[in-house]
C-alpha atoms as a PDB file:
ATOM      1  CA  UNK A   1      44.443  16.491  28.087  1.00  0.00           C
ATOM      2  CA  UNK A   2      45.343  17.245  24.493  1.00  0.00           C
ATOM      3  CA  UNK A   3      47.285  13.984  24.311  1.00  0.00           C
ATOM      4  CA  UNK A   4      44.230  12.002  25.338  1.00  0.00           C
ATOM      5  CA  UNK A   5      42.039  13.813  22.800  1.00  0.00           C
ATOM      6  CA  UNK A   6      44.608  13.171  20.053  1.00  0.00           C
ATOM      7  CA  UNK A   7      44.901   9.503  21.058  1.00  0.00           C
ATOM      8  CA  UNK A   8      41.115   9.092  21.080  1.00  0.00           C
ATOM      9  CA  UNK A   9      40.878  10.748  17.651  1.00  0.00           C
ATOM     10  CA  UNK A  10      43.487   8.380  16.228  1.00  0.00           C
ATOM     11  CA  UNK A  11      41.677   5.361  17.668  1.00  0.00           C
ATOM     12  CA  UNK A  12      38.311   6.455  16.251  1.00  0.00           C
ATOM     13  CA  UNK A  13      39.871   7.216  12.885  1.00  0.00           C
ATOM     14  CA  UNK A  14      41.464   3.782  12.794  1.00  0.00           C
ATOM     15  CA  UNK A  15      38.174   2.113  13.726  1.00  0.00           C
ATOM     16  CA  UNK A  16      36.136   3.841  11.018  1.00  0.00           C
ATOM     17  CA  UNK A  17      38.601   4.359   8.200  1.00  0.00           C
ATOM     18  CA  UNK A  18      40.219   0.915   8.205  1.00  0.00           C
ATOM     19  CA  UNK A  19      37.039  -1.027   7.502  1.00  0.00           C
ATOM     20  CA  UNK A  20      36.102   1.359   4.716  1.00  0.00           C
ATOM     21  CA  UNK A  21      39.394   0.915   2.930  1.00  0.00           C
ATOM     22  CA  UNK A  22      39.367  -2.795   3.683  1.00  0.00           C
ATOM     23  CA  UNK A  23      35.940  -3.161   2.090  1.00  0.00           C
ATOM     24  CA  UNK A  24      36.298  -1.007  -0.993  1.00  0.00           C
ATOM     25  CA  UNK A  25      34.165  -2.126  -3.911  1.00  0.00           C
ATOM     26  CA  UNK A  26      36.775  -2.717  -6.586  1.00  0.00           C
ATOM     27  CA  UNK A  27      36.220  -3.660 -10.236  1.00  0.00           C
ATOM     28  CA  UNK A  28      37.006  -7.271  -9.405  1.00  0.00           C
ATOM     29  CA  UNK A  29      33.818  -7.409  -7.317  1.00  0.00           C
ATOM     30  CA  UNK A  30      31.546  -6.381 -10.155  1.00  0.00           C
ATOM     31  CA  UNK A  31      29.434  -9.131 -11.652  1.00  0.00           C
ATOM     32  CA  UNK A  32      26.747  -9.827 -14.210  1.00  0.00           C
ATOM     33  CA  UNK A  33      23.499 -11.743 -14.126  1.00  0.00           C
ATOM     34  CA  UNK A  34      20.806 -12.883 -16.504  1.00  0.00           C
ATOM     35  CA  UNK A  35      17.281 -13.966 -15.767  1.00  0.00           C
ATOM     36  CA  UNK A  36      13.624 -14.146 -16.596  1.00  0.00           C
ATOM     37  CA  UNK A  37      10.369 -13.023 -15.054  1.00  0.00           C
ATOM     38  CA  UNK A  38       6.777 -14.166 -14.816  1.00  0.00           C
ATOM     39  CA  UNK A  39       4.413 -11.275 -14.118  1.00  0.00           C
ATOM     40  CA  UNK A  40       0.847 -10.038 -13.978  1.00  0.00           C
ATOM     41  CA  UNK A  41      -0.269  -6.874 -15.810  1.00  0.00           C
ATOM     42  CA  UNK A  42      -3.031  -4.511 -14.767  1.00  0.00           C
ATOM     43  CA  UNK A  43      -4.285  -1.598 -16.828  1.00  0.00           C
ATOM     44  CA  UNK A  44      -5.544   1.755 -15.557  1.00  0.00           C
ATOM     45  CA  UNK A  45      -7.307   4.084 -17.965  1.00  0.00           C
ATOM     46  CA  UNK A  46     -10.640   5.042 -19.493  1.00  0.00           C
ATOM     47  CA  UNK A  47     -12.156   1.553 -19.793  1.00  0.00           C
ATOM     48  CA  UNK A  48     -12.124   0.681 -16.086  1.00  0.00           C
ATOM     49  CA  UNK A  49     -14.875   0.329 -13.439  1.00  0.00           C
ATOM     50  CA  UNK A  50     -14.718   3.965 -12.296  1.00  0.00           C
ATOM     51  CA  UNK A  51     -13.287   7.347 -13.244  1.00  0.00           C
ATOM     52  CA  UNK A  52     -10.454   7.075 -10.775  1.00  0.00           C
ATOM     53  CA  UNK A  53      -6.704   7.125 -11.311  1.00  0.00           C
ATOM     54  CA  UNK A  54      -6.377   3.881  -9.340  1.00  0.00           C
ATOM     55  CA  UNK A  55      -9.460   2.079 -10.672  1.00  0.00           C
ATOM     56  CA  UNK A  56      -8.848  -1.320 -12.265  1.00  0.00           C
ATOM     57  CA  UNK A  57     -10.836  -4.476 -12.957  1.00  0.00           C
ATOM     58  CA  UNK A  58      -8.854  -7.307 -11.352  1.00  0.00           C
ATOM     59  CA  UNK A  59     -10.714  -9.805 -13.539  1.00  0.00           C
ATOM     60  CA  UNK A  60      -8.763  -8.428 -16.483  1.00  0.00           C
ATOM     61  CA  UNK A  61      -5.370  -9.115 -14.930  1.00  0.00           C
ATOM     62  CA  UNK A  62      -3.276 -10.568 -17.734  1.00  0.00           C
ATOM     63  CA  UNK A  63       0.120 -12.240 -18.133  1.00  0.00           C
ATOM     64  CA  UNK A  64       3.549 -10.756 -18.817  1.00  0.00           C
ATOM     65  CA  UNK A  65       6.835 -12.505 -19.609  1.00  0.00           C
ATOM     66  CA  UNK A  66      10.301 -10.986 -19.496  1.00  0.00           C
ATOM     67  CA  UNK A  67      14.034 -11.538 -19.872  1.00  0.00           C
ATOM     68  CA  UNK A  68      16.798  -9.311 -18.523  1.00  0.00           C
ATOM     69  CA  UNK A  69      20.514  -8.694 -18.293  1.00  0.00           C
ATOM     70  CA  UNK A  70      21.914  -6.956 -15.206  1.00  0.00           C
ATOM     71  CA  UNK A  71      25.356  -5.586 -14.285  1.00  0.00           C
ATOM     72  CA  UNK A  72      26.536  -4.761 -10.777  1.00  0.00           C
ATOM     73  CA  UNK A  73      28.454  -1.458 -10.700  1.00  0.00           C
ATOM     74  CA  UNK A  74      28.870  -0.676  -7.003  1.00  0.00           C
ATOM     75  CA  UNK A  75      27.965  -1.712  -3.474  1.00  0.00           C
ATOM     76  CA  UNK A  76      24.399  -0.479  -4.012  1.00  0.00           C
ATOM     77  CA  UNK A  77      23.909   0.305  -7.701  1.00  0.00           C
ATOM     78  CA  UNK A  78      23.137  -1.997 -10.646  1.00  0.00           C
ATOM     79  CA  UNK A  79      21.979  -1.398 -14.201  1.00  0.00           C
ATOM     80  CA  UNK A  80      19.459  -3.586 -15.991  1.00  0.00           C
ATOM     81  CA  UNK A  81      18.272  -4.006 -19.583  1.00  0.00           C
ATOM     82  CA  UNK A  82      14.999  -5.913 -19.914  1.00  0.00           C
ATOM     83  CA  UNK A  83      12.538  -6.997 -22.575  1.00  0.00           C
ATOM     84  CA  UNK A  84       8.934  -7.734 -21.616  1.00  0.00           C
ATOM     85  CA  UNK A  85       5.924  -8.922 -23.550  1.00  0.00           C
ATOM     86  CA  UNK A  86       2.474  -8.756 -22.035  1.00  0.00           C
ATOM     87  CA  UNK A  87      -1.191  -7.921 -22.491  1.00  0.00           C
ATOM     88  CA  UNK A  88      -3.693  -5.462 -21.012  1.00  0.00           C
ATOM     89  CA  UNK A  89      -7.435  -5.558 -21.496  1.00  0.00           C
ATOM     90  CA  UNK A  90     -10.662  -3.753 -20.603  1.00  0.00           C
ATOM     91  CA  UNK A  91     -14.392  -4.075 -21.295  1.00  0.00           C
ATOM     92  CA  UNK A  92     -17.158  -1.644 -20.272  1.00  0.00           C
ATOM     93  CA  UNK A  93     -19.848  -4.329 -20.374  1.00  0.00           C
ATOM     94  CA  UNK A  94     -17.956  -6.667 -18.050  1.00  0.00           C
ATOM     95  CA  UNK A  95     -16.872  -3.924 -15.627  1.00  0.00           C
ATOM     96  CA  UNK A  96     -20.164  -2.022 -15.287  1.00  0.00           C
ATOM     97  CA  UNK A  97     -23.529  -2.722 -13.656  1.00  0.00           C
ATOM     98  CA  UNK A  98     -26.410  -1.120 -15.614  1.00  0.00           C
ATOM     99  CA  UNK A  99     -28.345  -0.822 -12.354  1.00  0.00           C
ATOM    100  CA  UNK A 100     -25.666   1.414 -10.838  1.00  0.00           C
ATOM    101  CA  UNK A 101     -26.366   5.057 -11.700  1.00  0.00           C
ATOM    102  CA  UNK A 102     -22.653   5.888 -11.526  1.00  0.00           C
ATOM    103  CA  UNK A 103     -21.825   3.116 -14.005  1.00  0.00           C
ATOM    104  CA  UNK A 104     -24.417   3.852 -16.680  1.00  0.00           C
ATOM    105  CA  UNK A 105     -22.208   6.152 -18.744  1.00  0.00           C
ATOM    106  CA  UNK A 106     -19.655   3.414 -19.327  1.00  0.00           C
ATOM    107  CA  UNK A 107     -22.219   0.661 -19.689  1.00  0.00           C
ATOM    108  CA  UNK A 108     -23.892   2.580 -22.524  1.00  0.00           C
ATOM    109  CA  UNK A 109     -20.531   3.493 -24.065  1.00  0.00           C
ATOM    110  CA  UNK A 110     -19.835  -0.251 -24.470  1.00  0.00           C
ATOM    111  CA  UNK A 111     -16.156   0.211 -25.343  1.00  0.00           C
ATOM    112  CA  UNK A 112     -13.607  -2.610 -25.118  1.00  0.00           C
ATOM    113  CA  UNK A 113     -10.042  -3.312 -26.134  1.00  0.00           C
ATOM    114  CA  UNK A 114      -7.110  -5.705 -25.941  1.00  0.00           C
ATOM    115  CA  UNK A 115      -3.522  -4.543 -26.323  1.00  0.00           C
ATOM    116  CA  UNK A 116      -0.315  -6.597 -26.591  1.00  0.00           C
ATOM    117  CA  UNK A 117       2.707  -4.599 -25.399  1.00  0.00           C
ATOM    118  CA  UNK A 118       6.360  -5.153 -26.344  1.00  0.00           C
ATOM    119  CA  UNK A 119       8.591  -3.206 -23.963  1.00  0.00           C
ATOM    120  CA  UNK A 120      12.361  -2.602 -23.923  1.00  0.00           C
ATOM    121  CA  UNK A 121      13.597  -0.846 -20.779  1.00  0.00           C
ATOM    122  CA  UNK A 122      16.827   0.409 -19.197  1.00  0.00           C
ATOM    123  CA  UNK A 123      16.654   0.895 -15.443  1.00  0.00           C
ATOM    124  CA  UNK A 124      18.937   1.673 -12.544  1.00  0.00           C
ATOM    125  CA  UNK A 125      18.501  -0.332  -9.330  1.00  0.00           C
ATOM    126  CA  UNK A 126      19.430   1.023  -5.897  1.00  0.00           C
ATOM    127  CA  UNK A 127      19.827  -1.484  -3.047  1.00  0.00           C
ATOM    128  CA  UNK A 128      18.822  -0.288   0.400  1.00  0.00           C
ATOM    129  CA  UNK A 129      21.382  -2.686   1.898  1.00  0.00           C
ATOM    130  CA  UNK A 130      24.872  -2.401   0.459  1.00  0.00           C
ATOM    131  CA  UNK A 131      27.339  -5.168  -0.314  1.00  0.00           C
ATOM    132  CA  UNK A 132      31.035  -4.292  -0.533  1.00  0.00           C
ATOM    133  CA  UNK A 133      32.036  -7.948  -0.791  1.00  0.00           C
ATOM    134  CA  UNK A 134      31.956 -10.353  -3.711  1.00  0.00           C
ATOM    135  CA  UNK A 135      28.640 -11.769  -4.898  1.00  0.00           C
ATOM    136  CA  UNK A 136      29.291 -14.933  -2.851  1.00  0.00           C
ATOM    137  CA  UNK A 137      29.013 -12.884   0.351  1.00  0.00           C
ATOM    138  CA  UNK A 138      26.033 -10.758  -0.691  1.00  0.00           C
ATOM    139  CA  UNK A 139      23.204 -10.296   1.847  1.00  0.00           C
ATOM    140  CA  UNK A 140      20.466 -12.906   1.914  1.00  0.00           C
ATOM    141  CA  UNK A 141      17.647 -10.348   1.702  1.00  0.00           C
ATOM    142  CA  UNK A 142      17.799  -6.943  -0.013  1.00  0.00           C
ATOM    143  CA  UNK A 143      14.983  -4.449  -0.660  1.00  0.00           C
ATOM    144  CA  UNK A 144      15.631  -2.117  -3.612  1.00  0.00           C
ATOM    145  CA  UNK A 145      14.210   0.696  -5.721  1.00  0.00           C
ATOM    146  CA  UNK A 146      14.377   1.041  -9.496  1.00  0.00           C
ATOM    147  CA  UNK A 147      13.598   3.635 -12.151  1.00  0.00           C
ATOM    148  CA  UNK A 148      14.532   4.268 -15.762  1.00  0.00           C
ATOM    149  CA  UNK A 149      13.159   4.720 -19.254  1.00  0.00           C
ATOM    150  CA  UNK A 150      11.386   2.354 -21.644  1.00  0.00           C
ATOM    151  CA  UNK A 151      10.184   2.267 -25.211  1.00  0.00           C
ATOM    152  CA  UNK A 152       7.245   0.111 -26.152  1.00  0.00           C
ATOM    153  CA  UNK A 153       5.186  -0.939 -29.153  1.00  0.00           C
ATOM    154  CA  UNK A 154       1.441  -1.357 -28.710  1.00  0.00           C
ATOM    155  CA  UNK A 155      -1.530  -2.050 -30.967  1.00  0.00           C
ATOM    156  CA  UNK A 156      -4.985  -1.708 -29.365  1.00  0.00           C
ATOM    157  CA  UNK A 157      -7.564  -4.021 -30.901  1.00  0.00           C
ATOM    158  CA  UNK A 158     -11.245  -4.776 -30.388  1.00  0.00           C
ATOM    159  CA  UNK A 159     -13.890  -7.101 -31.799  1.00  0.00           C
ATOM    160  CA  UNK A 160     -15.930  -5.810 -34.720  1.00  0.00           C
ATOM    161  CA  UNK A 161     -19.725  -5.739 -34.226  1.00  0.00           C
ATOM    162  CA  UNK A 162     -21.462  -9.116 -34.305  1.00  0.00           C
ATOM    163  CA  UNK A 163     -23.706  -7.676 -37.035  1.00  0.00           C
ATOM    164  CA  UNK A 164     -21.736  -5.788 -39.683  1.00  0.00           C
ATOM    165  CA  UNK A 165     -23.434  -6.393 -43.058  1.00  0.00           C
ATOM    166  CA  UNK A 166     -20.883  -4.394 -45.033  1.00  0.00           C
ATOM    167  CA  UNK A 167     -18.212  -7.022 -44.357  1.00  0.00           C
ATOM    168  CA  UNK A 168     -19.598 -10.206 -42.763  1.00  0.00           C
ATOM    169  CA  UNK A 169     -16.140 -11.817 -42.774  1.00  0.00           C
ATOM    170  CA  UNK A 170     -14.954  -9.585 -39.897  1.00  0.00           C
ATOM    171  CA  UNK A 171     -18.073  -9.875 -37.718  1.00  0.00           C
ATOM    172  CA  UNK A 172     -16.924 -10.611 -34.177  1.00  0.00           C
ATOM    173  CA  UNK A 173     -13.255 -10.668 -35.282  1.00  0.00           C
ATOM    174  CA  UNK A 174     -10.431  -8.636 -33.730  1.00  0.00           C
ATOM    175  CA  UNK A 175      -9.479  -5.506 -35.691  1.00  0.00           C
ATOM    176  CA  UNK A 176      -6.753  -2.934 -35.098  1.00  0.00           C
ATOM    177  CA  UNK A 177      -8.106   0.387 -33.856  1.00  0.00           C
ATOM    178  CA  UNK A 178      -5.192   2.752 -34.468  1.00  0.00           C
ATOM    179  CA  UNK A 179      -5.544   2.807 -38.299  1.00  0.00           C
ATOM    180  CA  UNK A 180      -9.286   3.540 -37.962  1.00  0.00           C
ATOM    181  CA  UNK A 181      -8.725   6.753 -35.958  1.00  0.00           C
ATOM    182  CA  UNK A 182     -11.934   6.202 -34.012  1.00  0.00           C
ATOM    183  CA  UNK A 183     -11.725   9.658 -32.424  1.00  0.00           C
ATOM    184  CA  UNK A 184     -10.586  11.350 -35.616  1.00  0.00           C
ATOM    185  CA  UNK A 185      -7.031  11.578 -34.295  1.00  0.00           C
ATOM    186  CA  UNK A 186      -3.804   9.803 -35.157  1.00  0.00           C
ATOM    187  CA  UNK A 187      -1.371   8.427 -32.566  1.00  0.00           C
ATOM    188  CA  UNK A 188       1.814   6.404 -32.739  1.00  0.00           C
ATOM    189  CA  UNK A 189       2.102   2.732 -31.870  1.00  0.00           C
ATOM    190  CA  UNK A 190       5.648   3.441 -30.628  1.00  0.00           C
ATOM    191  CA  UNK A 191       5.623   5.180 -27.257  1.00  0.00           C
ATOM    192  CA  UNK A 192       7.877   6.064 -24.302  1.00  0.00           C
ATOM    193  CA  UNK A 193       7.256   5.119 -20.669  1.00  0.00           C
ATOM    194  CA  UNK A 194       8.896   5.791 -17.314  1.00  0.00           C
ATOM    195  CA  UNK A 195       9.191   2.573 -15.279  1.00  0.00           C
ATOM    196  CA  UNK A 196       9.623   2.881 -11.510  1.00  0.00           C
ATOM    197  CA  UNK A 197       8.961   0.663  -8.542  1.00  0.00           C
ATOM    198  CA  UNK A 198      10.184  -1.408  -5.616  1.00  0.00           C
ATOM    199  CA  UNK A 199      11.486  -4.938  -5.224  1.00  0.00           C
ATOM    200  CA  UNK A 200      12.751  -7.482  -2.713  1.00  0.00           C
ATOM    201  CA  UNK A 201      15.582  -9.828  -3.634  1.00  0.00           C
ATOM    202  CA  UNK A 202      16.363 -13.093  -1.826  1.00  0.00           C
ATOM    203  CA  UNK A 203      19.477 -15.242  -2.166  1.00  0.00           C
ATOM    204  CA  UNK A 204      18.521 -18.889  -2.683  1.00  0.00           C
ATOM    205  CA  UNK A 205      21.970 -20.257  -3.617  1.00  0.00           C
ATOM    206  CA  UNK A 206      25.491 -18.908  -4.308  1.00  0.00           C
ATOM    207  CA  UNK A 207      24.520 -17.995  -7.877  1.00  0.00           C
ATOM    208  CA  UNK A 208      20.732 -17.742  -7.846  1.00  0.00           C
ATOM    209  CA  UNK A 209      18.487 -14.951  -6.559  1.00  0.00           C
ATOM    210  CA  UNK A 210      14.728 -14.712  -6.664  1.00  0.00           C
ATOM    211  CA  UNK A 211      13.001 -11.354  -6.428  1.00  0.00           C
ATOM    212  CA  UNK A 212       9.514  -9.910  -6.285  1.00  0.00           C
ATOM    213  CA  UNK A 213       8.811  -6.565  -7.971  1.00  0.00           C
ATOM    214  CA  UNK A 214       5.980  -4.081  -8.294  1.00  0.00           C
ATOM    215  CA  UNK A 215       6.655  -1.818 -11.266  1.00  0.00           C
ATOM    216  CA  UNK A 216       4.607   1.216 -12.314  1.00  0.00           C
ATOM    217  CA  UNK A 217       4.726   2.488 -15.927  1.00  0.00           C
ATOM    218  CA  UNK A 218       3.978   6.169 -16.406  1.00  0.00           C
ATOM    219  CA  UNK A 219       2.894   6.736 -20.021  1.00  0.00           C
ATOM    220  CA  UNK A 220       2.869   9.791 -22.264  1.00  0.00           C
ATOM    221  CA  UNK A 221      -0.147   8.550 -24.236  1.00  0.00           C
ATOM    222  CA  UNK A 222      -3.845   8.276 -23.400  1.00  0.00           C
ATOM    223  CA  UNK A 223      -4.528   5.869 -26.257  1.00  0.00           C
ATOM    224  CA  UNK A 224      -3.441   2.571 -24.758  1.00  0.00           C
ATOM    225  CA  UNK A 225      -7.167   1.715 -24.858  1.00  0.00           C
ATOM    226  CA  UNK A 226      -7.983   3.840 -27.954  1.00  0.00           C
ATOM    227  CA  UNK A 227     -10.243   6.050 -25.809  1.00  0.00           C
ATOM    228  CA  UNK A 228      -9.243   9.555 -24.775  1.00  0.00           C
ATOM    229  CA  UNK A 229     -11.404  12.566 -25.653  1.00  0.00           C
ATOM    230  CA  UNK A 230     -14.802  13.198 -27.326  1.00  0.00           C
ATOM    231  CA  UNK A 231     -16.937  11.445 -29.906  1.00  0.00           C
ATOM    232  CA  UNK A 232     -15.942  12.668 -33.377  1.00  0.00           C
ATOM    233  CA  UNK A 233     -18.196  13.729 -36.205  1.00  0.00           C
ATOM    234  CA  UNK A 234     -19.011  10.366 -37.824  1.00  0.00           C
ATOM    235  CA  UNK A 235     -19.031  11.972 -41.268  1.00  0.00           C
ATOM    236  CA  UNK A 236     -15.335  12.842 -40.775  1.00  0.00           C
ATOM    237  CA  UNK A 237     -14.245   9.251 -40.070  1.00  0.00           C
ATOM    238  CA  UNK A 238     -12.559   7.140 -42.719  1.00  0.00           C
ATOM    239  CA  UNK A 239     -15.008   4.262 -43.107  1.00  0.00           C
ATOM    240  CA  UNK A 240     -18.174   2.615 -41.847  1.00  0.00           C
ATOM    241  CA  UNK A 241     -16.001   0.265 -39.799  1.00  0.00           C
ATOM    242  CA  UNK A 242     -14.359   3.268 -38.121  1.00  0.00           C
ATOM    243  CA  UNK A 243     -17.796   4.694 -37.359  1.00  0.00           C
ATOM    244  CA  UNK A 244     -19.010   1.358 -35.982  1.00  0.00           C
ATOM    245  CA  UNK A 245     -15.951   0.964 -33.735  1.00  0.00           C
ATOM    246  CA  UNK A 246     -16.094   4.594 -32.579  1.00  0.00           C
ATOM    247  CA  UNK A 247     -19.648   4.605 -31.224  1.00  0.00           C
ATOM    248  CA  UNK A 248     -21.007   1.288 -29.932  1.00  0.00           C
ATOM    249  CA  UNK A 249     -23.808   2.617 -27.738  1.00  0.00           C
ATOM    250  CA  UNK A 250     -26.685   1.016 -29.674  1.00  0.00           C
ATOM    251  CA  UNK A 251     -25.189  -2.429 -30.232  1.00  0.00           C
ATOM    252  CA  UNK A 252     -27.489  -5.165 -28.866  1.00  0.00           C
ATOM    253  CA  UNK A 253     -24.507  -7.210 -27.669  1.00  0.00           C
ATOM    254  CA  UNK A 254     -21.203  -6.688 -25.942  1.00  0.00           C
ATOM    255  CA  UNK A 255     -17.855  -7.284 -27.627  1.00  0.00           C
ATOM    256  CA  UNK A 256     -17.999 -10.944 -26.596  1.00  0.00           C
ATOM    257  CA  UNK A 257     -21.573 -11.433 -27.761  1.00  0.00           C
ATOM    258  CA  UNK A 258     -23.516 -11.102 -24.479  1.00  0.00           C
ATOM    259  CA  UNK A 259     -26.968  -9.475 -24.747  1.00  0.00           C
ATOM    260  CA  UNK A 260     -27.117  -5.839 -23.610  1.00  0.00           C
ATOM    261  CA  UNK A 261     -30.243  -4.242 -22.189  1.00  0.00           C
ATOM    262  CA  UNK A 262     -29.195  -0.774 -23.298  1.00  0.00           C
ATOM    263  CA  UNK A 263     -32.776   0.299 -24.091  1.00  0.00           C
ATOM    264  CA  UNK A 264     -33.813  -0.043 -20.459  1.00  0.00           C
ATOM    265  CA  UNK A 265     -30.897   2.163 -19.398  1.00  0.00           C
ATOM    266  CA  UNK A 266     -31.871   4.764 -21.994  1.00  0.00           C
ATOM    267  CA  UNK A 267     -35.438   4.776 -20.683  1.00  0.00           C
ATOM    268  CA  UNK A 268     -34.248   5.098 -17.080  1.00  0.00           C
ATOM    269  CA  UNK A 269     -32.123   8.096 -18.057  1.00  0.00           C
ATOM    270  CA  UNK A 270     -34.856   9.636 -20.208  1.00  0.00           C
ATOM    271  CA  UNK A 271     -32.664   9.381 -23.311  1.00  0.00           C
ATOM    272  CA  UNK A 272     -33.515   8.435 -26.893  1.00  0.00           C
ATOM    273  CA  UNK A 273     -31.776   6.690 -29.732  1.00  0.00           C
ATOM    274  CA  UNK A 274     -30.516   9.832 -31.408  1.00  0.00           C
ATOM    275  CA  UNK A 275     -29.912  10.339 -35.127  1.00  0.00           C
ATOM    276  CA  UNK A 276     -27.393  12.514 -36.951  1.00  0.00           C
ATOM    277  CA  UNK A 277     -27.679  13.512 -40.615  1.00  0.00           C
ATOM    278  CA  UNK A 278     -24.594  14.882 -42.359  1.00  0.00           C
ATOM    279  CA  UNK A 279     -24.458  17.287 -45.285  1.00  0.00           C
ATOM    280  CA  UNK A 280     -24.579  14.446 -47.805  1.00  0.00           C
ATOM    281  CA  UNK A 281     -27.783  13.094 -46.332  1.00  0.00           C
ATOM    282  CA  UNK A 282     -26.201  10.122 -44.527  1.00  0.00           C
ATOM    283  CA  UNK A 283     -27.893   9.189 -41.258  1.00  0.00           C
ATOM    284  CA  UNK A 284     -25.941   7.947 -38.231  1.00  0.00           C
ATOM    285  CA  UNK A 285     -27.440   6.669 -35.000  1.00  0.00           C
ATOM    286  CA  UNK A 286     -26.131   6.936 -31.428  1.00  0.00           C
ATOM    287  CA  UNK A 287     -27.544   7.060 -27.924  1.00  0.00           C
ATOM    288  CA  UNK A 288     -28.563  10.539 -26.815  1.00  0.00           C
ATOM    289  CA  UNK A 289     -25.676  12.147 -24.973  1.00  0.00           C
ATOM    290  CA  UNK A 290     -23.133  10.185 -27.019  1.00  0.00           C
ATOM    291  CA  UNK A 291     -23.265  12.220 -30.224  1.00  0.00           C
ATOM    292  CA  UNK A 292     -20.410  14.099 -31.877  1.00  0.00           C
ATOM    293  CA  UNK A 293     -18.625  16.377 -29.407  1.00  0.00           C
ATOM    294  CA  UNK A 294     -19.866  14.546 -26.320  1.00  0.00           C
ATOM    295  CA  UNK A 295     -17.518  12.950 -23.823  1.00  0.00           C
ATOM    296  CA  UNK A 296     -15.999   9.606 -24.807  1.00  0.00           C
ATOM    297  CA  UNK A 297     -12.966   9.518 -22.478  1.00  0.00           C
ATOM    298  CA  UNK A 298     -10.921  11.611 -20.053  1.00  0.00           C
ATOM    299  CA  UNK A 299      -8.019  13.330 -21.853  1.00  0.00           C
ATOM    300  CA  UNK A 300      -6.665  14.950 -18.682  1.00  0.00           C
ATOM    301  CA  UNK A 301      -5.350  11.645 -17.282  1.00  0.00           C
ATOM    302  CA  UNK A 302      -2.871   9.459 -19.139  1.00  0.00           C
ATOM    303  CA  UNK A 303      -3.209   5.694 -19.188  1.00  0.00           C
ATOM    304  CA  UNK A 304      -0.754   3.567 -17.205  1.00  0.00           C
ATOM    305  CA  UNK A 305      -0.118  -0.039 -16.331  1.00  0.00           C
ATOM    306  CA  UNK A 306       1.345  -2.061 -13.494  1.00  0.00           C
ATOM    307  CA  UNK A 307       3.693  -5.047 -13.814  1.00  0.00           C
ATOM    308  CA  UNK A 308       3.878  -7.283 -10.730  1.00  0.00           C
ATOM    309  CA  UNK A 309       5.738 -10.559 -10.490  1.00  0.00           C
ATOM    310  CA  UNK A 310       8.707 -12.760  -9.761  1.00  0.00           C
ATOM    311  CA  UNK A 311      12.216 -12.642 -11.246  1.00  0.00           C
ATOM    312  CA  UNK A 312      14.812 -15.401 -11.255  1.00  0.00           C
ATOM    313  CA  UNK A 313      18.425 -14.210 -11.590  1.00  0.00           C
ATOM    314  CA  UNK A 314      21.525 -16.281 -12.348  1.00  0.00           C
ATOM    315  CA  UNK A 315      24.928 -14.742 -11.605  1.00  0.00           C
ATOM    316  CA  UNK A 316      27.413 -15.414 -14.384  1.00  0.00           C
ATOM    317  CA  UNK A 317      30.962 -16.650 -13.891  1.00  0.00           C
ATOM    318  CA  UNK A 318      33.586 -14.082 -14.684  1.00  0.00           C
ATOM    319  CA  UNK A 319      35.531 -14.764 -17.845  1.00  0.00           C
ATOM    320  CA  UNK A 320      39.157 -15.853 -17.763  1.00  0.00           C
ATOM    321  CA  UNK A 321      41.519 -12.976 -18.431  1.00  0.00           C
ATOM    322  CA  UNK A 322      44.632 -13.482 -20.533  1.00  0.00           C
ATOM    323  CA  UNK A 323      47.902 -12.475 -18.867  1.00  0.00           C
ATOM    324  CA  UNK A 324      49.589  -9.301 -20.032  1.00  0.00           C
ATOM    325  CA  UNK A 325      53.087  -9.594 -21.521  1.00  0.00           C
ATOM    326  CA  UNK A 326      55.559  -6.877 -20.723  1.00  0.00           C
END
């Protein structure tokens, strides 16, 4: 009986061990690839249709372009370095209905922004289907996961009021918000993000793959849209432009020049056009409920954005190695 058990053990060992050793992923099977991507970007933050972590206005879906370099390290694992350039955007006037009681806060706030993002990321990619062969014998279809770290530069901007007598040359023009410190706080244009997501890769030829990815970016800043906490004391802001860009509740038009019926909303809510006088006798106006110290954004939830799109990858030929002389 022991002989049969020993024989069966040897047979099973041979069946399982031989293929493993025969299909080891050696250095000669590693390869590199380069490619580009065409994506869509969606923003999630304070200037969205609702106060929800997943709320987004699909009408403000914007473009994103990328280029990447990838190296295959093992039967499942690859590393990728990528550079992406894209845009996110939001507008209270466009996203809100003044007739909706739940939307009136944001409609009256009348905030808007546009932000171009330059992102450099390093991610690891884990295939759910392994390949111990060369790239020529890789599977036709492979789902995968990815995660890593990214650094990005951003610069939120918005249109100046259509009526700004102090400087008519910037009326309706895009201005950078970060230098104005519209909430009385400073933040950096250089930030860190955690990219993570899923993808599906398909082999279309011996050296070309096409893939579809959905990538989430967790951010450590709430100022992607320049809105985060409460309305500041207007007397403490740097300039009249900063004050105008900080509180836009009484502007007769939206950022793009559409007429706003904000007075009707104020009447419906029983609010007034409030006034604030500082110690120097300067008078500032804002809708009631939107004065200094009142809520402007939601600081407890960070902003984030989603990158969704297609990648085209080209597998590079391996370089010719010079022979070693002994």
